[in-house]
Amino acid sequence: MVNNFLDPLKAQYTPFAGEKIILGSQSPRRKTLLEGLGITPEVRTNDMDETIPSDVLPHQAPEFLANKKSIAFMDRLQPDELLVTADTVVIIDNTVLNKPADGAEAFAMLKRLSGRMHEVVSGVCISNTEKKHSFSETTRVFFRPLSDEQISYYVHHYKPFDKAGAYGIQEWIGLVAIEKIEGDFYNVMGLPVGRLVQEMEHFRA
């Protein structure tokens, strides 16, 4: 008798079985994280206005933008497709740190994060042609104090201009600067995949 955990039928489990997954993001990190779930998403991009209304609070901004991104793709979404959109921000002193415009701004952001705790908030929206569901996840990240030389080295060699808060936790800076985190590590990379699996299973129920 074969135990259930060795049953080939059981081994075919995936929370996204039977659906074509569309990733509405050009982030290579989100694509990699989805691939880690055994998914090969189709990546679609769409230029849109990411302006946030003044009445949307910093912690609400990622989920607001994830929903806004979802709407931008709906006219191209097919009945057999499932769309995942997301947005991630870094928040310190109740202020959102977006992607830096240049090296000077990246340096200033990391200088501000040095020796302090900040929050990384990701908003995610799951949609199909019939319904949608969104949620957000928060991780607290504690940085060790960084020297100007360390910050300059990272900015010069890794050019983190496509990353909120001017850093990627999976890069050199994560090895050097991170003292501890409270919450989902992958959320800091841009997609809380553990929570996504849970929410996806509820979405399909």
N, C-alpha and C. Protein backbone atom coordinates (compact mmCIF):
# COMPACT_ATOMS: atom_id res chain seq x y z
N MET A 1 0.85 -1.21 0.00
CA MET A 1 0.00 0.00 0.00
C MET A 1 0.88 1.26 0.00
N VAL A 2 0.59 2.18 -0.91
CA VAL A 2 1.37 3.41 -1.01
C VAL A 2 0.81 4.45 -0.06
N ASN A 3 1.68 5.06 0.74
CA ASN A 3 1.24 6.13 1.64
C ASN A 3 0.80 7.34 0.84
N ASN A 4 -0.11 8.10 1.42
CA ASN A 4 -0.66 9.25 0.70
C ASN A 4 0.41 10.22 0.22
N PHE A 5 1.47 10.40 1.04
CA PHE A 5 2.47 11.39 0.66
C PHE A 5 3.34 10.92 -0.49
N LEU A 6 3.22 9.65 -0.87
CA LEU A 6 3.96 9.14 -2.02
C LEU A 6 3.05 8.96 -3.24
N ASP A 7 1.76 9.21 -3.06
CA ASP A 7 0.80 9.04 -4.14
C ASP A 7 1.05 10.08 -5.22
N PRO A 8 1.34 9.67 -6.47
CA PRO A 8 1.60 10.66 -7.53
C PRO A 8 0.47 11.64 -7.73
N LEU A 9 -0.77 11.23 -7.49
CA LEU A 9 -1.89 12.15 -7.65
C LEU A 9 -1.83 13.26 -6.61
N LYS A 10 -1.43 12.90 -5.39
CA LYS A 10 -1.31 13.91 -4.34
C LYS A 10 -0.18 14.90 -4.67
N ALA A 11 0.86 14.40 -5.33
CA ALA A 11 2.01 15.24 -5.63
C ALA A 11 1.72 16.28 -6.70
N GLN A 12 0.56 16.21 -7.34
CA GLN A 12 0.22 17.16 -8.39
C GLN A 12 -0.42 18.44 -7.85
N TYR A 13 -0.53 18.53 -6.53
CA TYR A 13 -1.19 19.69 -5.93
C TYR A 13 -0.51 21.01 -6.31
N THR A 14 -1.31 21.99 -6.66
CA THR A 14 -0.86 23.38 -6.75
C THR A 14 -2.07 24.26 -6.51
N PRO A 15 -1.92 25.35 -5.76
CA PRO A 15 -3.08 26.22 -5.49
C PRO A 15 -3.61 26.92 -6.72
N PHE A 16 -2.87 26.88 -7.81
CA PHE A 16 -3.29 27.56 -9.03
C PHE A 16 -3.61 26.60 -10.16
N ALA A 17 -3.88 25.34 -9.84
CA ALA A 17 -4.12 24.34 -10.88
C ALA A 17 -5.32 24.73 -11.75
N GLY A 18 -5.18 24.54 -13.06
CA GLY A 18 -6.28 24.75 -13.99
C GLY A 18 -6.48 26.18 -14.41
N GLU A 19 -5.61 27.08 -13.99
CA GLU A 19 -5.76 28.48 -14.34
C GLU A 19 -4.47 29.02 -14.96
N LYS A 20 -4.63 29.90 -15.90
CA LYS A 20 -3.49 30.58 -16.51
C LYS A 20 -3.21 31.82 -15.68
N ILE A 21 -2.02 31.91 -15.12
CA ILE A 21 -1.70 33.00 -14.21
C ILE A 21 -1.04 34.14 -14.98
N ILE A 22 -1.62 35.32 -14.84
CA ILE A 22 -1.09 36.53 -15.44
C ILE A 22 -0.49 37.38 -14.34
N LEU A 23 0.78 37.72 -14.46
CA LEU A 23 1.42 38.61 -13.51
C LEU A 23 1.45 40.01 -14.12
N GLY A 24 0.68 40.90 -13.54
CA GLY A 24 0.62 42.28 -14.04
C GLY A 24 1.71 43.12 -13.42
N SER A 25 2.95 42.74 -13.66
CA SER A 25 4.08 43.44 -13.07
C SER A 25 5.33 43.12 -13.88
N GLN A 26 6.21 44.10 -14.02
CA GLN A 26 7.47 43.86 -14.71
C GLN A 26 8.59 43.52 -13.74
N SER A 27 8.25 43.32 -12.46
CA SER A 27 9.26 43.00 -11.45
C SER A 27 9.80 41.59 -11.65
N PRO A 28 11.10 41.43 -11.91
CA PRO A 28 11.66 40.08 -12.03
C PRO A 28 11.62 39.31 -10.73
N ARG A 29 11.61 40.01 -9.61
CA ARG A 29 11.55 39.33 -8.31
C ARG A 29 10.19 38.69 -8.08
N ARG A 30 9.12 39.37 -8.44
CA ARG A 30 7.79 38.77 -8.28
C ARG A 30 7.64 37.56 -9.21
N LYS A 31 8.16 37.65 -10.40
CA LYS A 31 8.11 36.52 -11.33
C LYS A 31 8.85 35.33 -10.76
N THR A 32 10.03 35.57 -10.20
CA THR A 32 10.83 34.50 -9.60
C THR A 32 10.11 33.86 -8.41
N LEU A 33 9.46 34.68 -7.60
CA LEU A 33 8.74 34.16 -6.44
C LEU A 33 7.56 33.30 -6.87
N LEU A 34 6.84 33.70 -7.90
CA LEU A 34 5.74 32.88 -8.40
C LEU A 34 6.28 31.56 -8.98
N GLU A 35 7.40 31.64 -9.66
CA GLU A 35 8.01 30.43 -10.20
C GLU A 35 8.41 29.48 -9.08
N GLY A 36 8.75 30.03 -7.92
CA GLY A 36 9.06 29.20 -6.76
C GLY A 36 7.86 28.41 -6.26
N LEU A 37 6.66 28.84 -6.63
CA LEU A 37 5.44 28.10 -6.29
C LEU A 37 5.10 27.04 -7.34
N GLY A 38 5.95 26.90 -8.35
CA GLY A 38 5.67 25.95 -9.44
C GLY A 38 4.82 26.55 -10.53
N ILE A 39 4.78 27.86 -10.61
CA ILE A 39 3.96 28.58 -11.58
C ILE A 39 4.87 29.23 -12.63
N THR A 40 4.45 29.17 -13.87
CA THR A 40 5.13 29.92 -14.92
C THR A 40 4.16 31.00 -15.40
N PRO A 41 4.22 32.19 -14.80
CA PRO A 41 3.24 33.22 -15.14
C PRO A 41 3.53 33.87 -16.48
N GLU A 42 2.47 34.36 -17.10
CA GLU A 42 2.64 35.22 -18.27
C GLU A 42 2.73 36.65 -17.76
N VAL A 43 3.80 37.33 -18.10
CA VAL A 43 4.00 38.70 -17.62
C VAL A 43 3.38 39.68 -18.61
N ARG A 44 2.55 40.57 -18.08
CA ARG A 44 1.96 41.64 -18.88
C ARG A 44 2.26 42.97 -18.18
N THR A 45 2.51 43.98 -18.96
CA THR A 45 2.76 45.30 -18.40
C THR A 45 1.79 46.30 -19.00
N ASN A 46 1.61 47.37 -18.27
CA ASN A 46 0.66 48.39 -18.70
C ASN A 46 1.05 49.71 -18.06
N ASP A 47 1.30 50.72 -18.85
CA ASP A 47 1.61 52.04 -18.30
C ASP A 47 0.35 52.64 -17.69
N MET A 48 0.48 53.14 -16.49
CA MET A 48 -0.68 53.72 -15.82
C MET A 48 -0.21 54.80 -14.86
N ASP A 49 -1.14 55.64 -14.52
CA ASP A 49 -0.90 56.71 -13.56
C ASP A 49 -0.93 56.12 -12.16
N GLU A 50 0.19 56.20 -11.45
CA GLU A 50 0.26 55.64 -10.10
C GLU A 50 0.12 56.71 -9.02
N THR A 51 -0.51 57.81 -9.37
CA THR A 51 -0.77 58.86 -8.40
C THR A 51 -1.71 58.35 -7.31
N ILE A 52 -1.38 58.66 -6.07
CA ILE A 52 -2.18 58.23 -4.93
C ILE A 52 -2.94 59.43 -4.38
N PRO A 53 -4.26 59.34 -4.25
CA PRO A 53 -5.03 60.47 -3.69
C PRO A 53 -4.55 60.86 -2.30
N SER A 54 -4.69 62.10 -1.96
CA SER A 54 -4.18 62.62 -0.68
C SER A 54 -4.87 61.99 0.53
N ASP A 55 -6.09 61.44 0.34
CA ASP A 55 -6.80 60.85 1.48
C ASP A 55 -6.44 59.39 1.71
N VAL A 56 -5.56 58.83 0.88
CA VAL A 56 -5.11 57.45 1.07
C VAL A 56 -3.88 57.48 1.97
N LEU A 57 -3.94 56.78 3.11
CA LEU A 57 -2.85 56.77 4.06
C LEU A 57 -1.67 55.93 3.54
N PRO A 58 -0.45 56.18 4.02
CA PRO A 58 0.71 55.45 3.52
C PRO A 58 0.55 53.93 3.56
N HIS A 59 0.01 53.38 4.64
CA HIS A 59 -0.13 51.93 4.74
C HIS A 59 -1.24 51.38 3.83
N GLN A 60 -2.12 52.27 3.36
CA GLN A 60 -3.18 51.85 2.44
C GLN A 60 -2.74 51.94 0.98
N ALA A 61 -1.66 52.66 0.71
CA ALA A 61 -1.25 52.95 -0.66
C ALA A 61 -0.96 51.70 -1.50
N PRO A 62 -0.23 50.69 -0.98
CA PRO A 62 0.07 49.53 -1.83
C PRO A 62 -1.17 48.77 -2.28
N GLU A 63 -2.12 48.57 -1.38
CA GLU A 63 -3.34 47.85 -1.76
C GLU A 63 -4.18 48.69 -2.73
N PHE A 64 -4.19 50.00 -2.51
CA PHE A 64 -4.89 50.90 -3.44
C PHE A 64 -4.31 50.76 -4.84
N LEU A 65 -2.98 50.77 -4.95
CA LEU A 65 -2.34 50.69 -6.26
C LEU A 65 -2.48 49.30 -6.88
N ALA A 66 -2.45 48.26 -6.05
CA ALA A 66 -2.66 46.91 -6.58
C ALA A 66 -4.03 46.78 -7.22
N ASN A 67 -5.04 47.36 -6.58
CA ASN A 67 -6.39 47.37 -7.15
C ASN A 67 -6.44 48.21 -8.43
N LYS A 68 -5.79 49.35 -8.40
CA LYS A 68 -5.78 50.23 -9.58
C LYS A 68 -5.10 49.55 -10.76
N LYS A 69 -4.01 48.82 -10.50
CA LYS A 69 -3.33 48.08 -11.55
C LYS A 69 -4.22 46.98 -12.10
N SER A 70 -4.98 46.32 -11.24
CA SER A 70 -5.89 45.27 -11.68
C SER A 70 -6.91 45.80 -12.67
N ILE A 71 -7.48 46.95 -12.38
CA ILE A 71 -8.49 47.56 -13.25
C ILE A 71 -7.91 47.83 -14.64
N ALA A 72 -6.64 48.23 -14.68
CA ALA A 72 -5.99 48.57 -15.95
C ALA A 72 -5.83 47.37 -16.87
N PHE A 73 -5.87 46.16 -16.32
CA PHE A 73 -5.69 44.95 -17.13
C PHE A 73 -6.99 44.25 -17.47
N MET A 74 -8.09 44.66 -16.86
CA MET A 74 -9.32 43.88 -16.96
C MET A 74 -9.87 43.76 -18.37
N ASP A 75 -9.67 44.76 -19.21
CA ASP A 75 -10.23 44.70 -20.55
C ASP A 75 -9.54 43.67 -21.44
N ARG A 76 -8.39 43.16 -21.00
CA ARG A 76 -7.67 42.14 -21.76
C ARG A 76 -7.71 40.77 -21.10
N LEU A 77 -8.35 40.67 -19.95
CA LEU A 77 -8.35 39.42 -19.19
C LEU A 77 -9.40 38.45 -19.76
N GLN A 78 -8.98 37.20 -19.93
CA GLN A 78 -9.85 36.16 -20.47
C GLN A 78 -10.46 35.33 -19.34
N PRO A 79 -11.59 34.63 -19.61
CA PRO A 79 -12.28 33.88 -18.55
C PRO A 79 -11.43 32.80 -17.87
N ASP A 80 -10.43 32.26 -18.58
CA ASP A 80 -9.60 31.21 -17.99
C ASP A 80 -8.32 31.75 -17.36
N GLU A 81 -8.24 33.07 -17.21
CA GLU A 81 -7.02 33.68 -16.69
C GLU A 81 -7.24 34.25 -15.30
N LEU A 82 -6.19 34.18 -14.50
CA LEU A 82 -6.20 34.75 -13.16
C LEU A 82 -5.08 35.79 -13.09
N LEU A 83 -5.43 36.99 -12.70
CA LEU A 83 -4.50 38.11 -12.68
C LEU A 83 -4.01 38.39 -11.26
N VAL A 84 -2.70 38.54 -11.13
CA VAL A 84 -2.09 38.94 -9.86
C VAL A 84 -1.38 40.27 -10.08
N THR A 85 -1.78 41.29 -9.34
CA THR A 85 -1.10 42.58 -9.38
C THR A 85 -0.65 42.94 -7.97
N ALA A 86 0.40 43.72 -7.88
CA ALA A 86 0.95 44.02 -6.56
C ALA A 86 1.70 45.35 -6.57
N ASP A 87 1.88 45.88 -5.39
CA ASP A 87 2.71 47.08 -5.22
C ASP A 87 3.34 47.01 -3.84
N THR A 88 4.57 47.45 -3.73
CA THR A 88 5.30 47.41 -2.46
C THR A 88 5.90 48.77 -2.17
N VAL A 89 5.77 49.20 -0.90
CA VAL A 89 6.38 50.46 -0.49
C VAL A 89 7.16 50.26 0.80
N VAL A 90 8.11 51.13 1.02
CA VAL A 90 8.85 51.21 2.28
C VAL A 90 8.35 52.43 3.02
N ILE A 91 8.05 52.26 4.30
CA ILE A 91 7.49 53.36 5.10
C ILE A 91 8.37 53.59 6.32
N ILE A 92 8.77 54.83 6.53
CA ILE A 92 9.51 55.22 7.73
C ILE A 92 9.01 56.61 8.14
N ASP A 93 8.80 56.80 9.42
CA ASP A 93 8.27 58.07 9.93
C ASP A 93 6.95 58.42 9.23
N ASN A 94 6.16 57.40 8.95
CA ASN A 94 4.86 57.58 8.28
C ASN A 94 5.01 58.22 6.91
N THR A 95 6.17 58.05 6.30
CA THR A 95 6.46 58.58 4.98
C THR A 95 6.82 57.45 4.04
N VAL A 96 6.27 57.47 2.83
CA VAL A 96 6.54 56.43 1.85
C VAL A 96 7.84 56.75 1.11
N LEU A 97 8.73 55.75 1.06
CA LEU A 97 9.93 55.85 0.23
C LEU A 97 9.69 55.02 -1.02
N ASN A 98 9.59 55.69 -2.14
CA ASN A 98 9.37 55.00 -3.41
C ASN A 98 10.72 54.63 -4.04
N LYS A 99 10.73 54.37 -5.32
CA LYS A 99 11.98 54.06 -6.02
C LYS A 99 12.80 55.34 -6.16
N PRO A 100 14.10 55.28 -5.90
CA PRO A 100 14.93 56.49 -6.01
C PRO A 100 15.13 56.90 -7.46
N ALA A 101 15.21 58.17 -7.68
CA ALA A 101 15.38 58.69 -9.04
C ALA A 101 16.81 58.58 -9.52
N ASP A 102 17.77 58.62 -8.57
CA ASP A 102 19.18 58.59 -8.95
C ASP A 102 20.00 58.13 -7.75
N GLY A 103 21.33 58.14 -7.93
CA GLY A 103 22.22 57.68 -6.87
C GLY A 103 22.15 58.52 -5.62
N ALA A 104 22.02 59.83 -5.79
CA ALA A 104 21.96 60.72 -4.63
C ALA A 104 20.73 60.44 -3.78
N GLU A 105 19.59 60.22 -4.44
CA GLU A 105 18.37 59.93 -3.70
C GLU A 105 18.44 58.55 -3.05
N ALA A 106 19.03 57.59 -3.73
CA ALA A 106 19.20 56.26 -3.15
C ALA A 106 20.08 56.33 -1.89
N PHE A 107 21.17 57.07 -1.98
CA PHE A 107 22.05 57.25 -0.81
C PHE A 107 21.27 57.87 0.35
N ALA A 108 20.49 58.92 0.06
CA ALA A 108 19.74 59.61 1.11
C ALA A 108 18.72 58.68 1.77
N MET A 109 18.06 57.83 0.96
CA MET A 109 17.08 56.90 1.52
C MET A 109 17.76 55.91 2.46
N LEU A 110 18.87 55.32 2.02
CA LEU A 110 19.55 54.33 2.85
C LEU A 110 20.14 54.98 4.10
N LYS A 111 20.59 56.20 3.98
CA LYS A 111 21.08 56.93 5.15
C LYS A 111 19.95 57.10 6.17
N ARG A 112 18.76 57.34 5.68
CA ARG A 112 17.60 57.51 6.56
C ARG A 112 17.21 56.19 7.23
N LEU A 113 17.37 55.08 6.52
CA LEU A 113 17.02 53.77 7.06
C LEU A 113 18.08 53.24 8.02
N SER A 114 19.30 53.72 7.91
CA SER A 114 20.42 53.21 8.69
C SER A 114 20.16 53.27 10.20
N GLY A 115 20.34 52.13 10.87
CA GLY A 115 20.19 52.07 12.32
C GLY A 115 18.79 52.14 12.84
N ARG A 116 17.80 51.99 11.95
CA ARG A 116 16.41 52.19 12.37
C ARG A 116 15.51 51.06 11.86
N MET A 117 14.30 51.06 12.38
CA MET A 117 13.27 50.14 11.91
C MET A 117 12.39 50.84 10.90
N HIS A 118 12.03 50.11 9.84
CA HIS A 118 11.04 50.61 8.89
C HIS A 118 10.08 49.49 8.55
N GLU A 119 9.02 49.82 7.88
CA GLU A 119 8.02 48.83 7.50
C GLU A 119 7.98 48.69 5.98
N VAL A 120 7.84 47.47 5.54
CA VAL A 120 7.63 47.18 4.12
C VAL A 120 6.21 46.66 3.97
N VAL A 121 5.42 47.33 3.17
CA VAL A 121 4.01 46.95 2.99
C VAL A 121 3.79 46.59 1.52
N SER A 122 3.26 45.39 1.30
CA SER A 122 2.89 44.97 -0.05
C SER A 122 1.37 44.84 -0.13
N GLY A 123 0.80 45.40 -1.18
CA GLY A 123 -0.61 45.20 -1.48
C GLY A 123 -0.71 44.26 -2.67
N VAL A 124 -1.65 43.32 -2.61
CA VAL A 124 -1.82 42.34 -3.68
C VAL A 124 -3.29 42.27 -4.05
N CYS A 125 -3.56 42.17 -5.34
CA CYS A 125 -4.93 42.00 -5.82
C CYS A 125 -4.99 40.77 -6.72
N ILE A 126 -5.94 39.88 -6.43
CA ILE A 126 -6.19 38.67 -7.22
C ILE A 126 -7.51 38.90 -7.96
N SER A 127 -7.49 38.71 -9.27
CA SER A 127 -8.69 39.01 -10.06
C SER A 127 -8.91 37.96 -11.13
N ASN A 128 -10.19 37.74 -11.45
CA ASN A 128 -10.56 37.07 -12.69
C ASN A 128 -11.68 37.89 -13.33
N THR A 129 -12.32 37.38 -14.34
CA THR A 129 -13.34 38.17 -15.03
C THR A 129 -14.63 38.31 -14.22
N GLU A 130 -14.75 37.56 -13.12
CA GLU A 130 -15.98 37.58 -12.33
C GLU A 130 -15.86 38.31 -11.00
N LYS A 131 -14.65 38.30 -10.42
CA LYS A 131 -14.51 38.90 -9.09
C LYS A 131 -13.05 39.26 -8.84
N LYS A 132 -12.83 39.97 -7.74
CA LYS A 132 -11.46 40.27 -7.34
C LYS A 132 -11.39 40.37 -5.82
N HIS A 133 -10.18 40.19 -5.31
CA HIS A 133 -9.95 40.24 -3.86
C HIS A 133 -8.58 40.83 -3.63
N SER A 134 -8.46 41.72 -2.66
CA SER A 134 -7.16 42.33 -2.36
C SER A 134 -6.85 42.24 -0.88
N PHE A 135 -5.56 42.33 -0.58
CA PHE A 135 -5.10 42.30 0.81
C PHE A 135 -3.74 42.97 0.88
N SER A 136 -3.28 43.22 2.09
CA SER A 136 -1.94 43.78 2.27
C SER A 136 -1.21 43.03 3.38
N GLU A 137 0.10 43.07 3.31
CA GLU A 137 0.95 42.38 4.29
C GLU A 137 2.06 43.34 4.70
N THR A 138 2.37 43.38 6.00
CA THR A 138 3.38 44.29 6.54
C THR A 138 4.51 43.51 7.21
N THR A 139 5.73 43.88 6.90
CA THR A 139 6.91 43.30 7.55
C THR A 139 7.74 44.43 8.14
N ARG A 140 8.19 44.24 9.37
CA ARG A 140 9.05 45.23 10.02
C ARG A 140 10.51 44.81 9.83
N VAL A 141 11.31 45.75 9.34
CA VAL A 141 12.71 45.48 9.03
C VAL A 141 13.60 46.39 9.88
N PHE A 142 14.60 45.79 10.53
CA PHE A 142 15.50 46.54 11.40
C PHE A 142 16.89 46.57 10.76
N PHE A 143 17.36 47.77 10.46
CA PHE A 143 18.69 47.97 9.87
C PHE A 143 19.73 48.23 10.96
N ARG A 144 20.90 47.65 10.80
CA ARG A 144 22.05 48.05 11.59
C ARG A 144 22.53 49.42 11.09
N PRO A 145 23.31 50.14 11.91
CA PRO A 145 23.90 51.38 11.41
C PRO A 145 24.84 51.09 10.24
N LEU A 146 24.74 51.90 9.20
CA LEU A 146 25.57 51.74 8.01
C LEU A 146 26.50 52.94 7.86
N SER A 147 27.73 52.68 7.46
CA SER A 147 28.65 53.79 7.20
C SER A 147 28.35 54.37 5.82
N ASP A 148 28.81 55.58 5.60
CA ASP A 148 28.64 56.21 4.29
C ASP A 148 29.33 55.38 3.21
N GLU A 149 30.47 54.79 3.57
CA GLU A 149 31.22 53.97 2.61
C GLU A 149 30.42 52.73 2.21
N GLN A 150 29.75 52.09 3.16
CA GLN A 150 28.93 50.92 2.85
C GLN A 150 27.76 51.29 1.96
N ILE A 151 27.11 52.40 2.27
CA ILE A 151 25.97 52.84 1.46
C ILE A 151 26.44 53.17 0.04
N SER A 152 27.52 53.89 -0.08
CA SER A 152 28.04 54.26 -1.40
C SER A 152 28.42 53.03 -2.21
N TYR A 153 29.04 52.05 -1.55
CA TYR A 153 29.43 50.81 -2.23
C TYR A 153 28.20 50.12 -2.81
N TYR A 154 27.16 50.00 -1.99
CA TYR A 154 25.95 49.30 -2.44
C TYR A 154 25.29 50.04 -3.60
N VAL A 155 25.12 51.33 -3.46
CA VAL A 155 24.45 52.11 -4.52
C VAL A 155 25.25 52.04 -5.81
N HIS A 156 26.57 52.15 -5.71
CA HIS A 156 27.41 52.16 -6.91
C HIS A 156 27.41 50.81 -7.62
N HIS A 157 27.50 49.71 -6.85
CA HIS A 157 27.63 48.39 -7.46
C HIS A 157 26.29 47.73 -7.81
N TYR A 158 25.24 48.05 -7.06
CA TYR A 158 23.96 47.34 -7.27
C TYR A 158 22.89 48.23 -7.91
N LYS A 159 23.09 49.53 -7.91
CA LYS A 159 22.18 50.46 -8.59
C LYS A 159 20.70 50.11 -8.33
N PRO A 160 20.26 50.26 -7.08
CA PRO A 160 18.92 49.82 -6.69
C PRO A 160 17.82 50.81 -7.05
N PHE A 161 17.83 51.31 -8.28
CA PHE A 161 16.89 52.36 -8.66
C PHE A 161 15.51 51.83 -9.01
N ASP A 162 15.36 50.51 -9.11
CA ASP A 162 14.05 49.92 -9.40
C ASP A 162 13.41 49.33 -8.15
N LYS A 163 13.93 49.70 -6.97
CA LYS A 163 13.47 49.10 -5.73
C LYS A 163 12.97 50.16 -4.75
N ALA A 164 11.80 49.93 -4.19
CA ALA A 164 11.27 50.83 -3.18
C ALA A 164 12.23 50.89 -2.00
N GLY A 165 12.50 52.11 -1.53
CA GLY A 165 13.41 52.26 -0.41
C GLY A 165 14.87 52.11 -0.78
N ALA A 166 15.16 51.91 -2.06
CA ALA A 166 16.53 51.85 -2.60
C ALA A 166 17.32 50.64 -2.12
N TYR A 167 16.63 49.52 -1.83
CA TYR A 167 17.41 48.32 -1.49
C TYR A 167 16.62 47.07 -1.81
N GLY A 168 17.39 45.99 -2.03
CA GLY A 168 16.81 44.66 -2.19
C GLY A 168 17.35 43.77 -1.10
N ILE A 169 16.47 43.20 -0.29
CA ILE A 169 16.91 42.42 0.87
C ILE A 169 17.70 41.18 0.47
N GLN A 170 17.48 40.71 -0.77
CA GLN A 170 18.17 39.51 -1.26
C GLN A 170 19.58 39.82 -1.77
N GLU A 171 19.97 41.10 -1.75
CA GLU A 171 21.27 41.51 -2.26
C GLU A 171 22.27 41.72 -1.13
N TRP A 172 23.44 42.24 -1.49
CA TRP A 172 24.53 42.48 -0.55
C TRP A 172 24.07 43.26 0.68
N ILE A 173 23.25 44.25 0.46
CA ILE A 173 22.79 45.10 1.57
C ILE A 173 22.01 44.30 2.61
N GLY A 174 21.28 43.27 2.15
CA GLY A 174 20.54 42.44 3.08
C GLY A 174 21.46 41.66 4.00
N LEU A 175 22.58 41.20 3.48
CA LEU A 175 23.56 40.47 4.29
C LEU A 175 24.24 41.37 5.30
N VAL A 176 24.47 42.61 4.92
CA VAL A 176 25.23 43.54 5.75
C VAL A 176 24.35 44.31 6.73
N ALA A 177 23.18 44.74 6.28
CA ALA A 177 22.41 45.72 7.04
C ALA A 177 21.30 45.14 7.92
N ILE A 178 20.74 44.00 7.53
CA ILE A 178 19.56 43.52 8.23
C ILE A 178 19.91 42.91 9.58
N GLU A 179 19.45 43.54 10.64
CA GLU A 179 19.65 43.01 12.00
C GLU A 179 18.62 41.93 12.32
N LYS A 180 17.34 42.23 11.98
CA LYS A 180 16.28 41.25 12.12
C LYS A 180 15.07 41.73 11.34
N ILE A 181 14.14 40.81 11.09
CA ILE A 181 12.87 41.18 10.50
C ILE A 181 11.76 40.56 11.31
N GLU A 182 10.61 41.18 11.30
CA GLU A 182 9.41 40.64 11.94
C GLU A 182 8.34 40.53 10.87
N GLY A 183 8.08 39.30 10.43
CA GLY A 183 7.11 39.09 9.37
C GLY A 183 7.70 38.31 8.22
N ASP A 184 7.07 38.40 7.06
CA ASP A 184 7.39 37.61 5.88
C ASP A 184 8.60 38.18 5.15
N PHE A 185 9.68 37.39 5.06
CA PHE A 185 10.88 37.81 4.32
C PHE A 185 10.55 38.10 2.87
N TYR A 186 9.75 37.24 2.24
CA TYR A 186 9.46 37.40 0.81
C TYR A 186 8.60 38.62 0.54
N ASN A 187 7.87 39.07 1.54
CA ASN A 187 7.11 40.32 1.41
C ASN A 187 8.05 41.48 1.14
N VAL A 188 9.23 41.45 1.76
CA VAL A 188 10.21 42.52 1.56
C VAL A 188 10.75 42.47 0.13
N MET A 189 10.76 41.28 -0.48
CA MET A 189 11.18 41.15 -1.87
C MET A 189 10.11 41.64 -2.84
N GLY A 190 8.87 41.78 -2.35
CA GLY A 190 7.82 42.34 -3.20
C GLY A 190 6.57 41.52 -3.36
N LEU A 191 6.53 40.30 -2.75
CA LEU A 191 5.33 39.48 -2.89
C LEU A 191 5.24 38.51 -1.71
N PRO A 192 4.23 38.66 -0.84
CA PRO A 192 4.08 37.74 0.30
C PRO A 192 3.48 36.41 -0.16
N VAL A 193 4.32 35.52 -0.67
CA VAL A 193 3.83 34.33 -1.36
C VAL A 193 3.07 33.37 -0.45
N GLY A 194 3.48 33.28 0.82
CA GLY A 194 2.75 32.42 1.74
C GLY A 194 1.31 32.88 1.92
N ARG A 195 1.14 34.16 2.15
CA ARG A 195 -0.20 34.74 2.28
C ARG A 195 -0.96 34.63 0.96
N LEU A 196 -0.25 34.80 -0.16
CA LEU A 196 -0.88 34.72 -1.47
C LEU A 196 -1.51 33.34 -1.68
N VAL A 197 -0.80 32.28 -1.30
CA VAL A 197 -1.35 30.93 -1.44
C VAL A 197 -2.63 30.78 -0.63
N GLN A 198 -2.62 31.26 0.61
CA GLN A 198 -3.81 31.18 1.46
C GLN A 198 -4.97 31.95 0.85
N GLU A 199 -4.71 33.17 0.43
CA GLU A 199 -5.77 34.00 -0.13
C GLU A 199 -6.29 33.41 -1.44
N MET A 200 -5.40 32.80 -2.21
CA MET A 200 -5.80 32.20 -3.46
C MET A 200 -6.73 31.02 -3.24
N GLU A 201 -6.44 30.22 -2.24
CA GLU A 201 -7.28 29.06 -1.95
C GLU A 201 -8.67 29.51 -1.50
N HIS A 202 -8.74 30.60 -0.73
CA HIS A 202 -10.04 31.15 -0.34
C HIS A 202 -10.77 31.73 -1.56
N PHE A 203 -10.00 32.36 -2.44
CA PHE A 203 -10.58 32.98 -3.64
C PHE A 203 -11.26 31.92 -4.51
N ARG A 204 -10.67 30.75 -4.60
CA ARG A 204 -11.20 29.68 -5.46
C ARG A 204 -12.32 28.90 -4.81
N ALA A 205 -12.46 29.01 -3.49
CA ALA A 205 -13.45 28.20 -2.77
C ALA A 205 -14.88 28.55 -3.17
